[in-house]
Amino acid sequence: MSREEFLALPEDRPMPRHQTLRDQGKLVRIFMTEADVLSGAARTKAAVSHRWVRHWHIDPDCTKLKKLNTILRESPDITHVWIDWACIPQKWKDDATEGRKTFVEQEEFNRTLANVLPYPRARRRARLAVLGGLCSSDRSSAAPRWCP
């Protein structure tokens, strides 16, 4: 998702799921290789490592959304954000009811999970916004870690 689209999300409403953002034309597909990450060519992209707050939504009270917006405002060189809820198809709907992924959405989900930073060397170079007690957009972040 581009920084502009992300920053345009209302901070007083939970972030819409992937399918909603896709249908609104707010997502962009970017292909990156391990070489892109290792060479630094992907340094303007941020991948977010976080823990889901509820099984049906990553951020129902908008705390993460607000933190990410702060990071984006402080880091103008970040051009795109990858966060699972917005960037891969979800089973749960925006209204917290259980839904279904279509066959094509499930295939995209599986393919994405199999290819999101699968290489340990790439993980060391990826830019992470880690959410927890501390937020960081530090390029030197180590391997993705899940926050308590």
N, C-alpha and C. Protein backbone atom coordinates (compact mmCIF):
# COMPACT_ATOMS: atom_id res chain seq x y z
N MET A 1 0.86 -1.16 0.00
CA MET A 1 0.00 0.00 0.00
C MET A 1 0.91 1.23 0.00
N SER A 2 0.58 2.19 -0.82
CA SER A 2 1.43 3.38 -0.87
C SER A 2 1.30 4.17 0.44
N ARG A 3 2.34 4.94 0.74
CA ARG A 3 2.31 5.76 1.95
C ARG A 3 1.14 6.72 1.92
N GLU A 4 0.84 7.28 0.73
CA GLU A 4 -0.26 8.24 0.63
C GLU A 4 -1.59 7.59 0.98
N GLU A 5 -1.83 6.40 0.44
CA GLU A 5 -3.09 5.69 0.74
C GLU A 5 -3.15 5.31 2.21
N PHE A 6 -2.01 4.87 2.76
CA PHE A 6 -1.99 4.48 4.17
C PHE A 6 -2.27 5.69 5.06
N LEU A 7 -1.59 6.79 4.80
CA LEU A 7 -1.80 7.99 5.61
C LEU A 7 -3.21 8.57 5.46
N ALA A 8 -3.88 8.24 4.37
CA ALA A 8 -5.25 8.73 4.15
C ALA A 8 -6.30 7.91 4.91
N LEU A 9 -5.90 6.77 5.48
CA LEU A 9 -6.86 5.96 6.24
C LEU A 9 -7.28 6.74 7.50
N PRO A 10 -8.57 6.78 7.80
CA PRO A 10 -9.02 7.49 9.00
C PRO A 10 -8.45 6.83 10.26
N GLU A 11 -7.92 7.62 11.17
CA GLU A 11 -7.32 7.07 12.39
C GLU A 11 -8.36 6.74 13.46
N ASP A 12 -9.61 7.06 13.22
CA ASP A 12 -10.65 6.77 14.20
C ASP A 12 -11.52 5.57 13.81
N ARG A 13 -11.13 4.87 12.74
CA ARG A 13 -11.85 3.67 12.31
C ARG A 13 -10.84 2.57 12.03
N PRO A 14 -11.15 1.32 12.41
CA PRO A 14 -10.21 0.23 12.15
C PRO A 14 -9.87 0.13 10.66
N MET A 15 -8.63 -0.24 10.40
CA MET A 15 -8.15 -0.39 9.04
C MET A 15 -9.01 -1.43 8.29
N PRO A 16 -9.45 -1.10 7.07
CA PRO A 16 -10.21 -2.07 6.28
C PRO A 16 -9.33 -3.27 5.89
N ARG A 17 -9.99 -4.40 5.68
CA ARG A 17 -9.25 -5.60 5.28
C ARG A 17 -8.80 -5.50 3.82
N HIS A 18 -7.96 -6.44 3.44
CA HIS A 18 -7.38 -6.49 2.10
C HIS A 18 -8.45 -6.37 1.00
N GLN A 19 -9.48 -7.19 1.08
CA GLN A 19 -10.47 -7.23 0.02
C GLN A 19 -11.16 -5.87 -0.16
N THR A 20 -11.43 -5.17 0.92
CA THR A 20 -12.06 -3.86 0.84
C THR A 20 -11.13 -2.86 0.16
N LEU A 21 -9.88 -2.83 0.62
CA LEU A 21 -8.89 -1.91 0.04
C LEU A 21 -8.63 -2.25 -1.43
N ARG A 22 -8.56 -3.53 -1.75
CA ARG A 22 -8.37 -3.96 -3.14
C ARG A 22 -9.53 -3.48 -4.02
N ASP A 23 -10.74 -3.70 -3.55
CA ASP A 23 -11.92 -3.32 -4.33
C ASP A 23 -12.03 -1.80 -4.49
N GLN A 24 -11.46 -1.04 -3.57
CA GLN A 24 -11.44 0.42 -3.66
C GLN A 24 -10.26 0.93 -4.49
N GLY A 25 -9.43 0.02 -4.99
CA GLY A 25 -8.28 0.40 -5.81
C GLY A 25 -7.15 1.05 -5.03
N LYS A 26 -7.05 0.75 -3.73
CA LYS A 26 -6.05 1.40 -2.88
C LYS A 26 -4.77 0.59 -2.71
N LEU A 27 -4.68 -0.57 -3.33
CA LEU A 27 -3.50 -1.41 -3.19
C LEU A 27 -2.71 -1.45 -4.49
N VAL A 28 -1.43 -1.67 -4.35
CA VAL A 28 -0.55 -1.81 -5.50
C VAL A 28 0.27 -3.09 -5.30
N ARG A 29 0.45 -3.83 -6.37
CA ARG A 29 1.24 -5.06 -6.31
C ARG A 29 2.68 -4.73 -6.69
N ILE A 30 3.59 -5.05 -5.79
CA ILE A 30 5.01 -4.81 -6.03
C ILE A 30 5.74 -6.14 -5.90
N PHE A 31 6.53 -6.47 -6.90
CA PHE A 31 7.32 -7.69 -6.85
C PHE A 31 8.75 -7.33 -6.47
N MET A 32 9.25 -8.01 -5.44
CA MET A 32 10.62 -7.80 -5.01
C MET A 32 11.31 -9.15 -4.93
N THR A 33 12.56 -9.15 -5.25
CA THR A 33 13.35 -10.36 -5.15
C THR A 33 14.26 -10.28 -3.93
N GLU A 34 14.85 -11.39 -3.59
CA GLU A 34 15.83 -11.39 -2.50
C GLU A 34 16.96 -10.42 -2.84
N ALA A 35 17.36 -10.40 -4.11
CA ALA A 35 18.43 -9.49 -4.54
C ALA A 35 18.03 -8.03 -4.32
N ASP A 36 16.76 -7.70 -4.55
CA ASP A 36 16.29 -6.33 -4.31
C ASP A 36 16.47 -5.94 -2.84
N VAL A 37 16.13 -6.87 -1.97
CA VAL A 37 16.23 -6.60 -0.54
C VAL A 37 17.69 -6.51 -0.13
N LEU A 38 18.51 -7.47 -0.57
CA LEU A 38 19.92 -7.49 -0.18
C LEU A 38 20.70 -6.31 -0.73
N SER A 39 20.34 -5.84 -1.91
CA SER A 39 21.07 -4.74 -2.52
C SER A 39 20.66 -3.37 -1.97
N GLY A 40 19.56 -3.33 -1.25
CA GLY A 40 19.06 -2.06 -0.73
C GLY A 40 18.05 -1.40 -1.66
N ALA A 41 17.77 -2.03 -2.81
CA ALA A 41 16.81 -1.46 -3.76
C ALA A 41 15.41 -1.37 -3.17
N ALA A 42 15.13 -2.17 -2.15
CA ALA A 42 13.79 -2.17 -1.54
C ALA A 42 13.76 -1.36 -0.24
N ARG A 43 14.76 -0.54 0.01
CA ARG A 43 14.84 0.15 1.30
C ARG A 43 13.73 1.18 1.54
N THR A 44 13.00 1.53 0.51
CA THR A 44 11.89 2.48 0.70
C THR A 44 10.59 1.76 1.04
N LYS A 45 10.64 0.45 1.14
CA LYS A 45 9.46 -0.35 1.49
C LYS A 45 9.56 -0.78 2.95
N ALA A 46 8.45 -0.74 3.67
CA ALA A 46 8.43 -1.16 5.08
C ALA A 46 7.50 -2.34 5.24
N ALA A 47 8.00 -3.39 5.88
CA ALA A 47 7.17 -4.55 6.23
C ALA A 47 6.92 -4.47 7.73
N VAL A 48 5.68 -4.70 8.14
CA VAL A 48 5.30 -4.55 9.55
C VAL A 48 5.18 -5.92 10.20
N SER A 49 5.92 -6.09 11.27
CA SER A 49 5.84 -7.31 12.08
C SER A 49 5.05 -6.95 13.33
N HIS A 50 4.04 -7.71 13.62
CA HIS A 50 3.17 -7.37 14.76
C HIS A 50 2.42 -8.60 15.22
N ARG A 51 1.71 -8.46 16.32
CA ARG A 51 0.85 -9.52 16.84
C ARG A 51 -0.60 -9.05 16.67
N TRP A 52 -1.46 -9.96 16.25
CA TRP A 52 -2.88 -9.63 16.12
C TRP A 52 -3.47 -9.42 17.50
N VAL A 53 -4.24 -8.35 17.65
CA VAL A 53 -4.87 -8.02 18.94
C VAL A 53 -6.09 -8.92 19.18
N ARG A 54 -6.85 -9.17 18.15
CA ARG A 54 -8.03 -10.05 18.20
C ARG A 54 -7.93 -11.02 17.03
N HIS A 55 -8.57 -12.15 17.14
CA HIS A 55 -8.50 -13.11 16.03
C HIS A 55 -9.21 -12.59 14.78
N TRP A 56 -10.08 -11.62 14.94
CA TRP A 56 -10.87 -11.10 13.82
C TRP A 56 -10.38 -9.76 13.28
N HIS A 57 -9.39 -9.13 13.93
CA HIS A 57 -8.83 -7.87 13.43
C HIS A 57 -7.50 -7.60 14.12
N ILE A 58 -6.57 -7.01 13.36
CA ILE A 58 -5.25 -6.73 13.91
C ILE A 58 -5.23 -5.53 14.84
N ASP A 59 -6.20 -4.64 14.68
CA ASP A 59 -6.11 -3.35 15.37
C ASP A 59 -7.48 -2.70 15.54
N PRO A 60 -8.38 -3.34 16.29
CA PRO A 60 -9.74 -2.78 16.38
C PRO A 60 -9.82 -1.41 17.03
N ASP A 61 -8.83 -1.05 17.86
CA ASP A 61 -8.88 0.27 18.51
C ASP A 61 -7.97 1.30 17.83
N CYS A 62 -7.40 0.95 16.70
CA CYS A 62 -6.60 1.86 15.85
C CYS A 62 -5.25 2.27 16.46
N THR A 63 -4.78 1.60 17.48
CA THR A 63 -3.50 1.93 18.09
C THR A 63 -2.35 1.74 17.11
N LYS A 64 -2.32 0.60 16.41
CA LYS A 64 -1.25 0.34 15.45
C LYS A 64 -1.31 1.31 14.28
N LEU A 65 -2.50 1.57 13.81
CA LEU A 65 -2.67 2.50 12.69
C LEU A 65 -2.08 3.86 13.05
N LYS A 66 -2.36 4.34 14.25
CA LYS A 66 -1.82 5.64 14.68
C LYS A 66 -0.30 5.60 14.79
N LYS A 67 0.25 4.51 15.34
CA LYS A 67 1.71 4.39 15.46
C LYS A 67 2.36 4.34 14.09
N LEU A 68 1.77 3.57 13.18
CA LEU A 68 2.33 3.48 11.83
C LEU A 68 2.27 4.82 11.11
N ASN A 69 1.20 5.54 11.29
CA ASN A 69 1.11 6.88 10.68
C ASN A 69 2.18 7.81 11.23
N THR A 70 2.45 7.71 12.52
CA THR A 70 3.53 8.51 13.11
C THR A 70 4.86 8.14 12.48
N ILE A 71 5.13 6.85 12.35
CA ILE A 71 6.39 6.40 11.73
C ILE A 71 6.48 6.91 10.30
N LEU A 72 5.40 6.81 9.55
CA LEU A 72 5.41 7.28 8.16
C LEU A 72 5.65 8.79 8.07
N ARG A 73 5.04 9.54 8.96
CA ARG A 73 5.24 11.00 8.95
C ARG A 73 6.69 11.36 9.30
N GLU A 74 7.32 10.55 10.16
CA GLU A 74 8.70 10.80 10.57
C GLU A 74 9.71 10.23 9.57
N SER A 75 9.26 9.37 8.66
CA SER A 75 10.16 8.70 7.72
C SER A 75 9.64 8.90 6.29
N PRO A 76 9.82 10.08 5.74
CA PRO A 76 9.27 10.37 4.42
C PRO A 76 9.87 9.53 3.29
N ASP A 77 10.98 8.86 3.56
CA ASP A 77 11.58 8.02 2.52
C ASP A 77 10.84 6.69 2.35
N ILE A 78 9.96 6.32 3.29
CA ILE A 78 9.17 5.10 3.13
C ILE A 78 8.07 5.39 2.11
N THR A 79 8.06 4.64 1.02
CA THR A 79 7.07 4.87 -0.04
C THR A 79 5.91 3.88 0.00
N HIS A 80 6.13 2.70 0.61
CA HIS A 80 5.10 1.66 0.65
C HIS A 80 5.17 0.90 1.97
N VAL A 81 4.00 0.42 2.40
CA VAL A 81 3.89 -0.35 3.63
C VAL A 81 3.25 -1.69 3.31
N TRP A 82 3.85 -2.75 3.86
CA TRP A 82 3.24 -4.09 3.76
C TRP A 82 2.85 -4.50 5.17
N ILE A 83 1.55 -4.76 5.35
CA ILE A 83 1.03 -5.30 6.60
C ILE A 83 -0.01 -6.34 6.22
N ASP A 84 0.05 -7.48 6.87
CA ASP A 84 -0.75 -8.63 6.45
C ASP A 84 -2.24 -8.35 6.30
N TRP A 85 -2.85 -7.69 7.25
CA TRP A 85 -4.30 -7.44 7.21
C TRP A 85 -4.72 -6.72 5.92
N ALA A 86 -3.91 -5.76 5.50
CA ALA A 86 -4.25 -4.97 4.32
C ALA A 86 -3.71 -5.57 3.03
N CYS A 87 -2.69 -6.40 3.13
CA CYS A 87 -1.98 -6.81 1.91
C CYS A 87 -2.17 -8.25 1.48
N ILE A 88 -2.87 -9.06 2.26
CA ILE A 88 -3.23 -10.40 1.80
C ILE A 88 -4.69 -10.67 2.17
N PRO A 89 -5.38 -11.46 1.36
CA PRO A 89 -6.81 -11.72 1.62
C PRO A 89 -7.06 -12.27 3.02
N GLN A 90 -8.15 -11.80 3.62
CA GLN A 90 -8.52 -12.18 4.99
C GLN A 90 -9.86 -12.89 5.03
N LYS A 91 -10.00 -13.77 6.01
CA LYS A 91 -11.27 -14.47 6.23
C LYS A 91 -12.27 -13.57 6.94
N TRP A 92 -11.79 -12.79 7.89
CA TRP A 92 -12.68 -11.95 8.69
C TRP A 92 -13.06 -10.69 7.93
N LYS A 93 -14.31 -10.30 8.03
CA LYS A 93 -14.80 -9.10 7.35
C LYS A 93 -14.52 -7.86 8.20
N ASP A 94 -14.69 -6.70 7.57
CA ASP A 94 -14.46 -5.43 8.27
C ASP A 94 -15.36 -5.27 9.50
N ASP A 95 -16.54 -5.87 9.47
CA ASP A 95 -17.48 -5.74 10.59
C ASP A 95 -17.28 -6.82 11.66
N ALA A 96 -16.16 -7.55 11.59
CA ALA A 96 -15.78 -8.58 12.56
C ALA A 96 -16.59 -9.87 12.44
N THR A 97 -17.35 -10.02 11.38
CA THR A 97 -18.04 -11.28 11.16
C THR A 97 -17.15 -12.18 10.32
N GLU A 98 -17.36 -13.48 10.51
CA GLU A 98 -16.55 -14.43 9.77
C GLU A 98 -17.04 -14.54 8.34
N GLY A 99 -16.12 -14.50 7.43
CA GLY A 99 -16.44 -14.62 6.02
C GLY A 99 -15.66 -15.78 5.41
N ARG A 100 -15.48 -15.72 4.13
CA ARG A 100 -14.72 -16.74 3.41
C ARG A 100 -13.84 -16.07 2.39
N LYS A 101 -12.73 -16.73 2.12
CA LYS A 101 -11.90 -16.31 0.99
C LYS A 101 -12.36 -17.12 -0.22
N THR A 102 -12.35 -16.48 -1.37
CA THR A 102 -12.64 -17.23 -2.59
C THR A 102 -11.46 -18.16 -2.86
N PHE A 103 -11.62 -19.06 -3.81
CA PHE A 103 -10.52 -19.96 -4.18
C PHE A 103 -9.30 -19.14 -4.62
N VAL A 104 -9.53 -18.13 -5.44
CA VAL A 104 -8.44 -17.29 -5.94
C VAL A 104 -7.79 -16.53 -4.78
N GLU A 105 -8.58 -16.02 -3.84
CA GLU A 105 -8.03 -15.32 -2.68
C GLU A 105 -7.20 -16.25 -1.81
N GLN A 106 -7.67 -17.50 -1.63
CA GLN A 106 -6.91 -18.47 -0.83
C GLN A 106 -5.58 -18.80 -1.51
N GLU A 107 -5.60 -18.90 -2.83
CA GLU A 107 -4.36 -19.15 -3.58
C GLU A 107 -3.39 -17.98 -3.39
N GLU A 108 -3.91 -16.75 -3.48
CA GLU A 108 -3.06 -15.57 -3.27
C GLU A 108 -2.51 -15.56 -1.85
N PHE A 109 -3.34 -15.87 -0.87
CA PHE A 109 -2.93 -15.93 0.53
C PHE A 109 -1.78 -16.93 0.70
N ASN A 110 -1.96 -18.14 0.17
CA ASN A 110 -0.93 -19.18 0.29
C ASN A 110 0.36 -18.78 -0.41
N ARG A 111 0.24 -18.24 -1.60
CA ARG A 111 1.41 -17.82 -2.38
C ARG A 111 2.17 -16.70 -1.66
N THR A 112 1.42 -15.76 -1.10
CA THR A 112 2.05 -14.64 -0.39
C THR A 112 2.79 -15.13 0.84
N LEU A 113 2.13 -15.96 1.65
CA LEU A 113 2.80 -16.45 2.86
C LEU A 113 4.06 -17.25 2.53
N ALA A 114 4.04 -17.95 1.41
CA ALA A 114 5.21 -18.73 1.02
C ALA A 114 6.36 -17.85 0.54
N ASN A 115 6.07 -16.60 0.19
CA ASN A 115 7.09 -15.74 -0.42
C ASN A 115 7.43 -14.48 0.35
N VAL A 116 6.80 -14.23 1.48
CA VAL A 116 7.10 -13.02 2.24
C VAL A 116 8.39 -13.24 3.02
N LEU A 117 9.43 -12.59 2.54
CA LEU A 117 10.75 -12.66 3.17
C LEU A 117 11.14 -14.07 3.62
N PRO A 118 11.20 -15.02 2.67
CA PRO A 118 11.51 -16.39 3.06
C PRO A 118 12.99 -16.62 3.36
N TYR A 119 13.85 -15.68 3.04
CA TYR A 119 15.28 -15.89 3.17
C TYR A 119 15.84 -15.19 4.39
N PRO A 120 16.54 -15.92 5.26
CA PRO A 120 17.09 -15.29 6.47
C PRO A 120 17.97 -14.08 6.18
N ARG A 121 18.79 -14.11 5.14
CA ARG A 121 19.65 -12.96 4.82
C ARG A 121 18.80 -11.75 4.46
N ALA A 122 17.72 -11.98 3.73
CA ALA A 122 16.85 -10.87 3.33
C ALA A 122 16.19 -10.26 4.55
N ARG A 123 15.83 -11.07 5.52
CA ARG A 123 15.18 -10.56 6.71
C ARG A 123 16.08 -9.58 7.45
N ARG A 124 17.37 -9.82 7.45
CA ARG A 124 18.28 -8.92 8.16
C ARG A 124 18.33 -7.55 7.50
N ARG A 125 18.08 -7.47 6.20
CA ARG A 125 18.17 -6.21 5.49
C ARG A 125 16.83 -5.51 5.33
N ALA A 126 15.74 -6.22 5.56
CA ALA A 126 14.42 -5.62 5.36
C ALA A 126 14.17 -4.55 6.41
N ARG A 127 13.43 -3.56 6.02
CA ARG A 127 13.08 -2.49 6.94
C ARG A 127 11.80 -2.88 7.66
N LEU A 128 11.83 -2.90 8.95
CA LEU A 128 10.68 -3.34 9.73
C LEU A 128 10.17 -2.22 10.62
N ALA A 129 8.88 -2.13 10.72
CA ALA A 129 8.27 -1.26 11.71
C ALA A 129 7.74 -2.20 12.77
N VAL A 130 8.42 -2.28 13.90
CA VAL A 130 8.06 -3.24 14.93
C VAL A 130 7.15 -2.55 15.93
N LEU A 131 6.00 -3.15 16.16
CA LEU A 131 5.01 -2.56 17.06
C LEU A 131 5.02 -3.27 18.39
N GLY A 132 5.05 -2.55 19.43
CA GLY A 132 5.05 -3.10 20.78
C GLY A 132 5.25 -1.93 21.70
N GLY A 133 6.04 -2.13 22.73
CA GLY A 133 6.36 -1.04 23.63
C GLY A 133 7.15 0.05 22.91
N LEU A 134 7.99 -0.35 21.98
CA LEU A 134 8.77 0.60 21.20
C LEU A 134 8.45 0.41 19.73
N CYS A 135 8.47 1.49 18.99
CA CYS A 135 8.29 1.42 17.55
C CYS A 135 9.61 1.77 16.90
N SER A 136 9.92 1.11 15.83
CA SER A 136 11.17 1.39 15.14
C SER A 136 10.97 1.28 13.65
N SER A 137 11.59 2.17 12.92
CA SER A 137 11.64 2.04 11.47
C SER A 137 13.11 1.97 11.07
N ASP A 138 13.89 1.38 11.94
CA ASP A 138 15.33 1.31 11.80
C ASP A 138 15.72 0.34 10.69
N ARG A 139 16.48 0.80 9.74
CA ARG A 139 16.92 -0.06 8.65
C ARG A 139 17.80 -1.19 9.12
N SER A 140 18.39 -1.08 10.28
CA SER A 140 19.31 -2.10 10.75
C SER A 140 18.60 -3.18 11.56
N SER A 141 17.27 -3.20 11.54
CA SER A 141 16.53 -4.19 12.32
C SER A 141 16.99 -5.59 11.99
N ALA A 142 17.02 -6.41 13.01
CA ALA A 142 17.39 -7.80 12.81
C ALA A 142 16.21 -8.56 12.22
N ALA A 143 16.26 -9.87 12.29
CA ALA A 143 15.20 -10.70 11.74
C ALA A 143 13.85 -10.29 12.32
N PRO A 144 12.78 -10.49 11.55
CA PRO A 144 11.45 -10.13 12.07
C PRO A 144 11.20 -10.80 13.42
N ARG A 145 10.58 -10.07 14.30
CA ARG A 145 10.28 -10.62 15.60
C ARG A 145 8.85 -10.24 15.96
N TRP A 146 8.21 -11.08 16.71
CA TRP A 146 6.84 -10.82 17.10
C TRP A 146 6.85 -10.12 18.44
N CYS A 147 6.06 -9.10 18.55
CA CYS A 147 6.05 -8.28 19.74
C CYS A 147 5.09 -8.86 20.77
N PRO A 148 5.41 -8.69 22.06
CA PRO A 148 4.52 -9.20 23.11
C PRO A 148 3.22 -8.43 23.16
